[in-house]
């Protein structure tokens, strides 16, 4: 295996037991299909690069994911990609065991096509953004929690609109009251420390 990154060794080692063989297998398949691939960590999870980002994989509590950076540009002859967004990392769905992964021959075929796209300089389609964003609405319970911590209140007032929105959306999108309260408590602590919502992924 060429051009391996020790950070990915560590990532696999600290992943859940079910995830380790999945991640190790995906890693081997990528290297076999693309011997010149380079490994790196971006946004907190493993990426593989070849003339740009090629593909990525990640482990979660109960599943793993694998996907191509330019998935929307792939021909998908076997009809197995689940295209979610422009740069989705999970076009192969929830991977919970090795049997969920397409055969190495099929996966290698997709990898080689992704390589050709990068070699040819294919770029992702430009996603048009709406000029107008909905006004940020801060729920009363969120505002009360921030006001209860003077330091967090001062910091939050000086946050940019996008930084405020990231925190508010993270908290309000929780699916249960317990999760919402947990996120709110964490948010107050991080805000008081002057941290962005995604500070963990910043270098």
N, C-alpha and C. Protein backbone atom coordinates (compact mmCIF):
# COMPACT_ATOMS: atom_id res chain seq x y z
N UNK A 1 0.85 -1.19 0.00
CA UNK A 1 0.00 0.00 0.00
C UNK A 1 0.88 1.23 0.00
N UNK A 2 0.65 2.14 -0.94
CA UNK A 2 1.50 3.31 -1.07
C UNK A 2 0.85 4.54 -0.44
N UNK A 3 1.72 5.48 -0.08
CA UNK A 3 1.28 6.79 0.37
C UNK A 3 0.18 6.72 1.42
N UNK A 4 0.43 5.95 2.44
CA UNK A 4 -0.55 5.86 3.53
C UNK A 4 -0.30 6.97 4.54
N UNK A 5 -1.35 7.29 5.27
CA UNK A 5 -1.30 8.36 6.26
C UNK A 5 -1.56 7.74 7.63
N UNK A 6 -0.65 7.95 8.56
CA UNK A 6 -0.79 7.37 9.90
C UNK A 6 -2.05 7.85 10.60
N UNK A 7 -2.54 9.02 10.22
CA UNK A 7 -3.76 9.52 10.83
C UNK A 7 -4.97 8.64 10.48
N UNK A 8 -4.90 8.03 9.30
CA UNK A 8 -5.99 7.12 8.92
C UNK A 8 -5.86 5.80 9.67
N UNK A 9 -4.62 5.37 9.91
CA UNK A 9 -4.42 4.18 10.76
C UNK A 9 -5.09 4.43 12.11
N UNK A 10 -4.85 5.60 12.67
CA UNK A 10 -5.40 5.95 13.98
C UNK A 10 -6.91 6.06 13.91
N UNK A 11 -7.42 6.63 12.82
CA UNK A 11 -8.87 6.79 12.66
C UNK A 11 -9.56 5.42 12.67
N UNK A 12 -8.99 4.49 11.92
CA UNK A 12 -9.57 3.14 11.86
C UNK A 12 -9.48 2.47 13.22
N UNK A 13 -8.34 2.62 13.88
CA UNK A 13 -8.12 1.96 15.17
C UNK A 13 -9.11 2.41 16.24
N UNK A 14 -9.50 3.69 16.19
CA UNK A 14 -10.41 4.19 17.22
C UNK A 14 -11.88 4.10 16.81
N UNK A 15 -12.14 3.58 15.62
CA UNK A 15 -13.52 3.41 15.18
C UNK A 15 -14.14 2.20 15.87
N UNK A 16 -15.45 2.10 15.81
CA UNK A 16 -16.16 0.98 16.43
C UNK A 16 -15.67 -0.34 15.83
N UNK A 17 -15.79 -1.40 16.60
CA UNK A 17 -15.26 -2.70 16.16
C UNK A 17 -15.83 -3.13 14.82
N UNK A 18 -17.15 -2.94 14.61
CA UNK A 18 -17.77 -3.37 13.36
C UNK A 18 -17.22 -2.60 12.16
N UNK A 19 -16.77 -1.34 12.43
CA UNK A 19 -16.35 -0.45 11.35
C UNK A 19 -14.94 -0.74 10.84
N UNK A 20 -14.10 -1.27 11.69
CA UNK A 20 -12.69 -1.44 11.31
C UNK A 20 -12.48 -2.29 10.05
N UNK A 21 -13.10 -3.48 9.96
CA UNK A 21 -12.89 -4.27 8.74
C UNK A 21 -13.46 -3.59 7.50
N UNK A 22 -14.54 -2.84 7.66
CA UNK A 22 -15.14 -2.14 6.54
C UNK A 22 -14.20 -1.07 6.02
N UNK A 23 -13.69 -0.25 6.93
CA UNK A 23 -12.79 0.83 6.54
C UNK A 23 -11.49 0.28 5.96
N UNK A 24 -10.96 -0.77 6.56
CA UNK A 24 -9.71 -1.36 6.09
C UNK A 24 -9.89 -1.93 4.68
N UNK A 25 -11.03 -2.57 4.45
CA UNK A 25 -11.30 -3.14 3.13
C UNK A 25 -11.43 -2.04 2.07
N UNK A 26 -12.19 -1.01 2.38
CA UNK A 26 -12.37 0.09 1.43
C UNK A 26 -11.03 0.72 1.09
N UNK A 27 -10.22 0.89 2.11
CA UNK A 27 -8.89 1.49 1.92
C UNK A 27 -8.05 0.64 0.96
N UNK A 28 -8.07 -0.67 1.14
CA UNK A 28 -7.29 -1.56 0.28
C UNK A 28 -7.79 -1.52 -1.16
N UNK A 29 -9.10 -1.50 -1.32
CA UNK A 29 -9.67 -1.49 -2.67
C UNK A 29 -9.27 -0.20 -3.41
N UNK A 30 -9.33 0.92 -2.70
CA UNK A 30 -8.95 2.19 -3.32
C UNK A 30 -7.49 2.15 -3.77
N UNK A 31 -6.62 1.64 -2.92
CA UNK A 31 -5.19 1.60 -3.25
C UNK A 31 -4.91 0.63 -4.40
N UNK A 32 -5.64 -0.47 -4.45
CA UNK A 32 -5.42 -1.43 -5.53
C UNK A 32 -5.88 -0.85 -6.87
N UNK A 33 -6.99 -0.14 -6.84
CA UNK A 33 -7.52 0.44 -8.08
C UNK A 33 -6.74 1.67 -8.51
N UNK A 34 -6.19 2.38 -7.53
CA UNK A 34 -5.46 3.62 -7.84
C UNK A 34 -4.15 3.62 -7.05
N UNK A 35 -3.12 2.95 -7.53
CA UNK A 35 -1.85 2.84 -6.80
C UNK A 35 -1.20 4.18 -6.46
N UNK A 36 -1.52 5.23 -7.21
CA UNK A 36 -0.91 6.54 -6.97
C UNK A 36 -1.73 7.41 -6.02
N UNK A 37 -2.75 6.84 -5.43
CA UNK A 37 -3.63 7.62 -4.55
C UNK A 37 -2.87 8.13 -3.33
N UNK A 38 -3.27 9.30 -2.85
CA UNK A 38 -2.69 9.90 -1.65
C UNK A 38 -3.76 9.95 -0.57
N UNK A 39 -3.38 9.62 0.64
CA UNK A 39 -4.32 9.66 1.76
C UNK A 39 -4.18 10.97 2.53
N UNK A 40 -5.29 11.40 3.09
CA UNK A 40 -5.26 12.58 3.95
C UNK A 40 -6.52 12.59 4.83
N UNK A 41 -6.55 13.51 5.76
CA UNK A 41 -7.73 13.71 6.59
C UNK A 41 -8.27 15.10 6.28
N UNK A 42 -9.54 15.17 5.92
CA UNK A 42 -10.21 16.45 5.70
C UNK A 42 -11.54 16.42 6.43
N UNK A 43 -11.84 17.53 7.09
CA UNK A 43 -13.10 17.64 7.82
C UNK A 43 -13.28 16.50 8.83
N UNK A 44 -12.16 15.99 9.30
CA UNK A 44 -12.22 14.99 10.37
C UNK A 44 -12.34 13.54 9.95
N UNK A 45 -12.35 13.26 8.64
CA UNK A 45 -12.45 11.86 8.23
C UNK A 45 -11.57 11.60 7.01
N UNK A 46 -11.27 10.32 6.72
CA UNK A 46 -10.32 9.97 5.66
C UNK A 46 -10.78 10.32 4.25
N UNK A 47 -9.86 10.91 3.49
CA UNK A 47 -10.08 11.21 2.08
C UNK A 47 -8.95 10.60 1.26
N UNK A 48 -9.25 10.30 0.00
CA UNK A 48 -8.26 9.77 -0.92
C UNK A 48 -8.17 10.74 -2.10
N UNK A 49 -6.96 11.13 -2.43
CA UNK A 49 -6.76 12.13 -3.47
C UNK A 49 -5.96 11.58 -4.65
N UNK A 50 -6.39 11.99 -5.84
CA UNK A 50 -5.68 11.66 -7.08
C UNK A 50 -6.05 12.77 -8.06
N UNK A 51 -5.13 13.69 -8.29
CA UNK A 51 -5.43 14.88 -9.09
C UNK A 51 -6.65 15.60 -8.51
N UNK A 52 -6.69 15.69 -7.21
CA UNK A 52 -7.83 16.29 -6.52
C UNK A 52 -8.51 15.24 -5.66
N UNK A 53 -9.56 15.62 -4.98
CA UNK A 53 -10.27 14.66 -4.13
C UNK A 53 -10.93 13.60 -4.99
N UNK A 54 -10.70 12.35 -4.62
CA UNK A 54 -11.24 11.22 -5.38
C UNK A 54 -12.48 10.65 -4.67
N UNK A 55 -12.28 10.26 -3.42
CA UNK A 55 -13.36 9.65 -2.65
C UNK A 55 -13.05 9.78 -1.16
N UNK A 56 -13.98 9.33 -0.35
CA UNK A 56 -13.79 9.44 1.10
C UNK A 56 -14.58 8.35 1.81
N UNK A 57 -14.25 8.15 3.06
CA UNK A 57 -14.98 7.19 3.87
C UNK A 57 -15.07 7.72 5.29
N UNK A 58 -16.04 7.23 6.03
CA UNK A 58 -16.20 7.70 7.41
C UNK A 58 -16.89 6.63 8.23
N UNK A 59 -16.66 6.66 9.53
CA UNK A 59 -17.29 5.72 10.46
C UNK A 59 -18.16 6.51 11.43
N UNK A 60 -19.35 5.99 11.68
CA UNK A 60 -20.26 6.58 12.64
C UNK A 60 -20.57 5.54 13.71
N UNK A 61 -21.47 5.85 14.61
CA UNK A 61 -21.74 4.93 15.72
C UNK A 61 -22.27 3.58 15.26
N UNK A 62 -23.12 3.61 14.23
CA UNK A 62 -23.76 2.36 13.82
C UNK A 62 -23.59 2.02 12.34
N UNK A 63 -22.85 2.83 11.61
CA UNK A 63 -22.64 2.52 10.20
C UNK A 63 -21.42 3.26 9.67
N UNK A 64 -21.00 2.86 8.49
CA UNK A 64 -19.91 3.55 7.79
C UNK A 64 -20.48 4.10 6.48
N UNK A 65 -19.73 4.99 5.87
CA UNK A 65 -20.16 5.51 4.57
C UNK A 65 -18.94 5.62 3.65
N UNK A 66 -19.22 5.56 2.37
CA UNK A 66 -18.17 5.68 1.36
C UNK A 66 -18.77 6.38 0.15
N UNK A 67 -18.02 7.28 -0.44
CA UNK A 67 -18.58 7.96 -1.59
C UNK A 67 -17.54 8.71 -2.40
N UNK A 68 -17.95 9.16 -3.56
CA UNK A 68 -17.06 9.86 -4.48
C UNK A 68 -17.35 11.36 -4.48
N UNK A 69 -16.28 12.13 -4.57
CA UNK A 69 -16.41 13.58 -4.57
C UNK A 69 -17.23 14.07 -5.76
N UNK A 70 -17.05 13.42 -6.91
CA UNK A 70 -17.78 13.82 -8.11
C UNK A 70 -18.82 12.77 -8.49
N UNK A 71 -19.55 12.31 -7.51
CA UNK A 71 -20.52 11.24 -7.73
C UNK A 71 -21.56 11.59 -8.79
N UNK A 72 -21.95 12.86 -8.83
CA UNK A 72 -22.98 13.24 -9.80
C UNK A 72 -22.48 13.20 -11.24
N UNK A 73 -21.16 13.08 -11.41
CA UNK A 73 -20.58 13.02 -12.75
C UNK A 73 -20.32 11.59 -13.20
N UNK A 74 -20.46 10.63 -12.30
CA UNK A 74 -20.20 9.23 -12.65
C UNK A 74 -21.37 8.66 -13.45
N UNK A 75 -21.07 7.74 -14.37
CA UNK A 75 -22.11 7.18 -15.22
C UNK A 75 -23.01 6.19 -14.48
N UNK A 76 -22.49 5.57 -13.42
CA UNK A 76 -23.25 4.63 -12.59
C UNK A 76 -23.88 3.51 -13.40
N UNK A 77 -23.08 2.73 -14.14
CA UNK A 77 -23.63 1.66 -15.00
C UNK A 77 -24.36 0.57 -14.22
N UNK A 78 -24.00 0.38 -12.95
CA UNK A 78 -24.64 -0.67 -12.16
C UNK A 78 -25.81 -0.15 -11.34
N UNK A 79 -26.08 1.15 -11.45
CA UNK A 79 -27.23 1.72 -10.75
C UNK A 79 -27.19 1.55 -9.24
N UNK A 80 -26.01 1.73 -8.65
CA UNK A 80 -25.91 1.50 -7.21
C UNK A 80 -25.63 2.77 -6.41
N UNK A 81 -25.43 3.89 -7.09
CA UNK A 81 -25.15 5.12 -6.37
C UNK A 81 -26.44 5.78 -5.90
N UNK A 82 -26.39 6.26 -4.68
CA UNK A 82 -27.50 7.02 -4.14
C UNK A 82 -27.03 8.46 -4.08
N UNK A 83 -27.37 9.24 -5.07
CA UNK A 83 -26.81 10.58 -5.22
C UNK A 83 -27.53 11.58 -4.32
N UNK A 84 -26.82 12.02 -3.32
CA UNK A 84 -27.38 12.97 -2.36
C UNK A 84 -26.48 14.19 -2.34
N UNK A 85 -26.92 15.27 -2.93
CA UNK A 85 -26.11 16.47 -2.94
C UNK A 85 -25.02 16.41 -4.00
N UNK A 86 -24.24 17.48 -4.08
CA UNK A 86 -23.21 17.58 -5.11
C UNK A 86 -21.92 16.86 -4.74
N UNK A 87 -21.62 16.78 -3.45
CA UNK A 87 -20.37 16.14 -3.04
C UNK A 87 -20.62 15.16 -1.90
N UNK A 88 -21.73 14.45 -1.97
CA UNK A 88 -22.08 13.53 -0.88
C UNK A 88 -21.03 12.47 -0.70
N UNK A 89 -20.78 12.13 0.58
CA UNK A 89 -19.79 11.11 0.85
C UNK A 89 -20.43 9.75 1.08
N UNK A 90 -21.75 9.65 0.94
CA UNK A 90 -22.40 8.39 1.27
C UNK A 90 -23.25 7.80 0.18
N UNK A 91 -22.76 7.75 -1.06
CA UNK A 91 -23.59 7.25 -2.14
C UNK A 91 -23.83 5.74 -2.11
N UNK A 92 -23.16 5.05 -1.23
CA UNK A 92 -23.35 3.60 -1.15
C UNK A 92 -24.23 3.22 0.04
N UNK A 93 -24.89 4.21 0.61
CA UNK A 93 -25.80 3.94 1.71
C UNK A 93 -25.09 3.62 3.01
N UNK A 94 -25.85 3.08 3.95
CA UNK A 94 -25.31 2.73 5.27
C UNK A 94 -24.59 1.39 5.19
N UNK A 95 -23.32 1.40 5.49
CA UNK A 95 -22.50 0.19 5.45
C UNK A 95 -22.31 -0.31 6.88
N UNK A 96 -22.89 -1.45 7.17
CA UNK A 96 -22.78 -2.00 8.53
C UNK A 96 -21.95 -3.27 8.59
N UNK A 97 -21.68 -3.88 7.44
CA UNK A 97 -20.80 -5.05 7.39
C UNK A 97 -20.24 -5.16 5.97
N UNK A 98 -19.28 -6.04 5.81
CA UNK A 98 -18.60 -6.16 4.51
C UNK A 98 -19.55 -6.55 3.37
N UNK A 99 -20.61 -7.26 3.69
CA UNK A 99 -21.53 -7.69 2.64
C UNK A 99 -22.32 -6.53 2.04
N UNK A 100 -22.32 -5.38 2.71
CA UNK A 100 -23.02 -4.20 2.18
C UNK A 100 -22.22 -3.50 1.09
N UNK A 101 -20.95 -3.85 0.97
CA UNK A 101 -20.07 -3.19 0.01
C UNK A 101 -20.13 -3.91 -1.33
N UNK A 102 -20.22 -3.19 -2.44
CA UNK A 102 -20.19 -3.83 -3.76
C UNK A 102 -18.89 -4.63 -3.92
N UNK A 103 -18.88 -5.55 -4.83
CA UNK A 103 -17.69 -6.36 -5.06
C UNK A 103 -16.51 -5.46 -5.42
N UNK A 104 -15.30 -5.97 -5.20
CA UNK A 104 -14.12 -5.17 -5.50
C UNK A 104 -14.06 -4.80 -6.97
N UNK A 105 -14.49 -5.71 -7.84
CA UNK A 105 -14.46 -5.44 -9.27
C UNK A 105 -15.35 -4.26 -9.63
N UNK A 106 -16.54 -4.23 -9.04
CA UNK A 106 -17.48 -3.13 -9.32
C UNK A 106 -16.96 -1.83 -8.73
N UNK A 107 -16.51 -1.90 -7.49
CA UNK A 107 -16.03 -0.69 -6.83
C UNK A 107 -14.81 -0.12 -7.56
N UNK A 108 -13.93 -1.00 -8.00
CA UNK A 108 -12.74 -0.55 -8.73
C UNK A 108 -13.12 0.13 -10.03
N UNK A 109 -14.18 -0.35 -10.66
CA UNK A 109 -14.65 0.26 -11.92
C UNK A 109 -15.08 1.71 -11.68
N UNK A 110 -15.76 1.94 -10.58
CA UNK A 110 -16.19 3.30 -10.24
C UNK A 110 -14.99 4.17 -9.87
N UNK A 111 -14.05 3.58 -9.17
CA UNK A 111 -12.85 4.34 -8.78
C UNK A 111 -12.08 4.77 -10.01
N UNK A 112 -11.93 3.87 -10.97
CA UNK A 112 -11.18 4.21 -12.18
C UNK A 112 -11.89 5.29 -13.00
N UNK A 113 -13.22 5.26 -13.01
CA UNK A 113 -13.95 6.32 -13.72
C UNK A 113 -13.75 7.66 -13.00
N UNK A 114 -13.79 7.63 -11.66
CA UNK A 114 -13.56 8.85 -10.89
C UNK A 114 -12.14 9.38 -11.14
N UNK A 115 -11.20 8.48 -11.31
CA UNK A 115 -9.82 8.88 -11.63
C UNK A 115 -9.77 9.61 -12.97
N UNK A 116 -10.48 9.08 -13.96
CA UNK A 116 -10.48 9.69 -15.29
C UNK A 116 -11.11 11.08 -15.25
N UNK A 117 -12.13 11.23 -14.43
CA UNK A 117 -12.76 12.55 -14.29
C UNK A 117 -11.76 13.56 -13.74
N UNK A 118 -11.00 13.14 -12.72
CA UNK A 118 -10.01 14.04 -12.14
C UNK A 118 -8.86 14.32 -13.11
N UNK A 119 -8.44 13.29 -13.82
CA UNK A 119 -7.36 13.47 -14.81
C UNK A 119 -7.78 14.46 -15.90
N UNK A 120 -9.06 14.42 -16.26
CA UNK A 120 -9.55 15.29 -17.31
C UNK A 120 -9.93 16.68 -16.82
N UNK A 121 -9.78 16.91 -15.53
CA UNK A 121 -10.08 18.23 -15.00
C UNK A 121 -11.57 18.53 -14.87
N UNK A 122 -12.40 17.49 -14.84
CA UNK A 122 -13.84 17.70 -14.70
C UNK A 122 -14.14 18.39 -13.37
N UNK A 123 -14.97 19.40 -13.42
CA UNK A 123 -15.32 20.13 -12.20
C UNK A 123 -16.77 19.88 -11.82
N UNK A 124 -17.08 20.14 -10.59
CA UNK A 124 -18.45 19.97 -10.13
C UNK A 124 -19.31 21.11 -10.66
N UNK A 125 -20.58 20.82 -10.95
CA UNK A 125 -21.47 21.90 -11.41
C UNK A 125 -21.59 22.98 -10.33
N UNK A 126 -21.66 24.20 -10.79
CA UNK A 126 -21.82 25.30 -9.83
C UNK A 126 -23.25 25.28 -9.30
N UNK A 127 -23.35 25.24 -8.00
CA UNK A 127 -24.66 25.21 -7.38
C UNK A 127 -25.14 26.64 -7.13
N UNK A 128 -26.25 26.95 -7.73
CA UNK A 128 -26.79 28.29 -7.56
C UNK A 128 -27.33 28.47 -6.15
N UNK A 129 -26.93 29.55 -5.56
CA UNK A 129 -27.38 29.84 -4.21
C UNK A 129 -28.46 30.92 -4.24
N UNK A 130 -29.40 30.73 -3.40
CA UNK A 130 -30.45 31.73 -3.29
C UNK A 130 -29.87 33.02 -2.75
N UNK A 131 -30.22 34.12 -3.40
CA UNK A 131 -29.69 35.40 -2.97
C UNK A 131 -30.24 35.81 -1.62
N UNK A 132 -31.43 35.39 -1.34
CA UNK A 132 -32.08 35.77 -0.10
C UNK A 132 -32.16 34.60 0.87
N UNK A 133 -31.71 34.82 2.06
CA UNK A 133 -31.83 33.81 3.11
C UNK A 133 -32.94 34.21 4.06
N UNK A 134 -33.61 33.21 4.56
CA UNK A 134 -34.66 33.50 5.52
C UNK A 134 -34.05 34.15 6.75
N UNK A 135 -34.73 35.12 7.31
CA UNK A 135 -34.21 35.76 8.53
C UNK A 135 -34.00 34.72 9.62
N UNK A 136 -32.92 34.89 10.35
CA UNK A 136 -32.63 33.95 11.43
C UNK A 136 -33.60 34.16 12.58
N UNK A 137 -34.29 33.10 12.93
CA UNK A 137 -35.22 33.16 14.05
C UNK A 137 -34.62 32.39 15.22
N UNK A 138 -34.34 33.08 16.30
CA UNK A 138 -33.76 32.45 17.48
C UNK A 138 -34.88 32.08 18.45
N UNK A 139 -35.08 30.80 18.70
CA UNK A 139 -36.15 30.37 19.60
C UNK A 139 -35.98 30.97 21.00
N UNK A 140 -37.06 31.25 21.69
CA UNK A 140 -36.98 31.83 23.03
C UNK A 140 -36.12 31.02 23.99
N UNK A 141 -36.23 29.68 23.94
CA UNK A 141 -35.46 28.86 24.86
C UNK A 141 -33.96 28.97 24.59
N UNK A 142 -33.60 29.15 23.31
CA UNK A 142 -32.19 29.33 22.96
C UNK A 142 -31.70 30.68 23.48
N UNK A 143 -32.49 31.72 23.26
CA UNK A 143 -32.11 33.05 23.71
C UNK A 143 -31.97 33.11 25.22
N UNK A 144 -32.89 32.45 25.94
CA UNK A 144 -32.82 32.46 27.41
C UNK A 144 -31.55 31.78 27.90
N UNK A 145 -31.19 30.65 27.27
CA UNK A 145 -29.99 29.92 27.68
C UNK A 145 -28.73 30.75 27.45
N UNK A 146 -28.70 31.48 26.35
CA UNK A 146 -27.54 32.33 26.06
C UNK A 146 -27.47 33.49 27.06
N UNK A 147 -28.60 34.11 27.35
CA UNK A 147 -28.62 35.25 28.28
C UNK A 147 -28.21 34.84 29.69
N UNK A 148 -28.48 33.58 30.02
CA UNK A 148 -28.16 33.09 31.37
C UNK A 148 -26.66 32.98 31.60
N UNK A 149 -25.89 33.00 30.54
CA UNK A 149 -24.43 32.95 30.63
C UNK A 149 -23.88 34.25 30.05
N UNK A 150 -23.52 35.21 30.92
CA UNK A 150 -23.08 36.53 30.45
C UNK A 150 -21.98 36.49 29.40
N UNK A 151 -21.01 35.60 29.60
CA UNK A 151 -19.91 35.53 28.64
C UNK A 151 -20.39 35.02 27.29
N UNK A 152 -21.23 33.99 27.32
CA UNK A 152 -21.77 33.45 26.08
C UNK A 152 -22.62 34.51 25.38
N UNK A 153 -23.35 35.28 26.16
CA UNK A 153 -24.21 36.32 25.60
C UNK A 153 -23.38 37.37 24.86
N UNK A 154 -22.28 37.79 25.47
CA UNK A 154 -21.41 38.80 24.84
C UNK A 154 -20.79 38.26 23.55
N UNK A 155 -20.30 37.02 23.62
CA UNK A 155 -19.65 36.43 22.45
C UNK A 155 -20.65 36.24 21.32
N UNK A 156 -21.83 35.73 21.66
CA UNK A 156 -22.85 35.44 20.65
C UNK A 156 -23.27 36.71 19.91
N UNK A 157 -23.35 37.83 20.62
CA UNK A 157 -23.74 39.09 19.99
C UNK A 157 -22.73 39.51 18.93
N UNK A 158 -21.47 39.15 19.12
CA UNK A 158 -20.42 39.53 18.19
C UNK A 158 -20.19 38.49 17.08
N UNK A 159 -20.89 37.36 17.15
CA UNK A 159 -20.78 36.35 16.10
C UNK A 159 -21.35 36.90 14.80
N UNK A 160 -20.82 36.40 13.69
CA UNK A 160 -21.37 36.76 12.39
C UNK A 160 -22.73 36.07 12.25
N UNK A 161 -23.59 36.55 11.36
CA UNK A 161 -24.89 35.91 11.16
C UNK A 161 -24.78 34.42 10.83
N UNK A 162 -23.77 34.06 10.03
CA UNK A 162 -23.63 32.64 9.66
C UNK A 162 -23.23 31.79 10.86
N UNK A 163 -22.39 32.32 11.73
CA UNK A 163 -21.98 31.58 12.93
C UNK A 163 -23.17 31.39 13.86
N UNK A 164 -23.99 32.41 13.99
CA UNK A 164 -25.19 32.29 14.82
C UNK A 164 -26.13 31.24 14.24
N UNK A 165 -26.31 31.30 12.91
CA UNK A 165 -27.23 30.38 12.26
C UNK A 165 -26.80 28.93 12.44
N UNK A 166 -25.49 28.66 12.36
CA UNK A 166 -25.00 27.29 12.51
C UNK A 166 -25.37 26.71 13.86
N UNK A 167 -25.22 27.51 14.91
CA UNK A 167 -25.56 27.04 16.25
C UNK A 167 -27.07 26.86 16.41
N UNK A 168 -27.84 27.84 15.96
CA UNK A 168 -29.29 27.76 16.11
C UNK A 168 -29.85 26.56 15.35
N UNK A 169 -29.39 26.35 14.12
CA UNK A 169 -29.89 25.22 13.33
C UNK A 169 -29.48 23.89 13.93
N UNK A 170 -28.26 23.83 14.47
CA UNK A 170 -27.79 22.59 15.10
C UNK A 170 -28.69 22.20 16.26
N UNK A 171 -29.04 23.17 17.07
CA UNK A 171 -29.88 22.90 18.24
C UNK A 171 -31.32 22.61 17.84
N UNK A 172 -31.88 23.44 16.98
CA UNK A 172 -33.30 23.28 16.64
C UNK A 172 -33.59 22.06 15.78
N UNK A 173 -32.58 21.54 15.09
CA UNK A 173 -32.81 20.38 14.22
C UNK A 173 -32.73 19.05 14.97
N UNK A 174 -32.46 19.11 16.28
CA UNK A 174 -32.43 17.88 17.08
C UNK A 174 -33.79 17.20 17.03
N UNK A 175 -33.79 15.88 16.96
CA UNK A 175 -35.04 15.15 16.79
C UNK A 175 -35.77 14.87 18.10
N UNK A 176 -35.09 14.96 19.23
CA UNK A 176 -35.74 14.72 20.52
C UNK A 176 -35.43 15.87 21.47
N UNK A 177 -36.28 16.02 22.48
CA UNK A 177 -36.06 17.07 23.47
C UNK A 177 -34.75 16.86 24.22
N UNK A 178 -34.45 15.60 24.50
CA UNK A 178 -33.22 15.30 25.25
C UNK A 178 -31.99 15.70 24.45
N UNK A 179 -32.00 15.36 23.16
CA UNK A 179 -30.87 15.73 22.30
C UNK A 179 -30.79 17.24 22.15
N UNK A 180 -31.94 17.87 22.03
CA UNK A 180 -31.96 19.34 21.88
C UNK A 180 -31.35 20.01 23.11
N UNK A 181 -31.73 19.53 24.29
CA UNK A 181 -31.21 20.12 25.52
C UNK A 181 -29.71 19.88 25.66
N UNK A 182 -29.28 18.69 25.28
CA UNK A 182 -27.86 18.38 25.35
C UNK A 182 -27.06 19.28 24.41
N UNK A 183 -27.56 19.47 23.21
CA UNK A 183 -26.88 20.33 22.24
C UNK A 183 -26.87 21.78 22.71
N UNK A 184 -27.98 22.20 23.32
CA UNK A 184 -28.07 23.58 23.80
C UNK A 184 -27.05 23.84 24.90
N UNK A 185 -26.93 22.89 25.82
CA UNK A 185 -25.96 23.02 26.90
C UNK A 185 -24.54 23.09 26.34
N UNK A 186 -24.25 22.22 25.39
CA UNK A 186 -22.93 22.22 24.76
C UNK A 186 -22.68 23.52 24.00
N UNK A 187 -23.71 23.99 23.31
CA UNK A 187 -23.58 25.22 22.53
C UNK A 187 -23.22 26.41 23.41
N UNK A 188 -23.87 26.51 24.55
CA UNK A 188 -23.59 27.62 25.47
C UNK A 188 -22.13 27.60 25.92
N UNK A 189 -21.63 26.40 26.23
CA UNK A 189 -20.25 26.26 26.67
C UNK A 189 -19.29 26.66 25.56
N UNK A 190 -19.52 26.15 24.36
CA UNK A 190 -18.64 26.46 23.23
C UNK A 190 -18.68 27.94 22.87
N UNK A 191 -19.88 28.51 22.88
CA UNK A 191 -20.01 29.93 22.54
C UNK A 191 -19.27 30.78 23.56
N UNK A 192 -19.39 30.44 24.84
CA UNK A 192 -18.69 31.19 25.88
C UNK A 192 -17.17 31.13 25.68
N UNK A 193 -16.72 30.05 25.05
CA UNK A 193 -15.28 29.89 24.78
C UNK A 193 -14.88 30.53 23.44
N UNK A 194 -15.86 31.13 22.76
CA UNK A 194 -15.58 31.80 21.49
C UNK A 194 -15.39 30.85 20.32
N UNK A 195 -15.91 29.64 20.43
CA UNK A 195 -15.70 28.63 19.39
C UNK A 195 -16.81 28.64 18.35
N UNK A 196 -16.42 28.36 17.10
CA UNK A 196 -17.40 28.17 16.04
C UNK A 196 -18.10 26.83 16.26
N UNK A 197 -19.23 26.67 15.64
CA UNK A 197 -19.97 25.41 15.78
C UNK A 197 -19.11 24.23 15.34
N UNK A 198 -18.34 24.37 14.27
CA UNK A 198 -17.54 23.26 13.74
C UNK A 198 -16.07 23.40 14.08
N UNK A 199 -15.77 23.93 15.26
CA UNK A 199 -14.39 24.17 15.64
C UNK A 199 -13.55 22.90 15.67
N UNK A 200 -14.18 21.76 15.93
CA UNK A 200 -13.42 20.51 16.00
C UNK A 200 -12.77 20.13 14.67
N UNK A 201 -13.35 20.60 13.57
CA UNK A 201 -12.87 20.22 12.26
C UNK A 201 -11.94 21.24 11.64
N UNK A 202 -11.67 22.30 12.41
CA UNK A 202 -10.77 23.33 11.91
C UNK A 202 -9.35 23.00 12.31
N UNK A 203 -8.42 23.24 11.41
CA UNK A 203 -7.01 22.95 11.70
C UNK A 203 -6.40 24.13 12.43
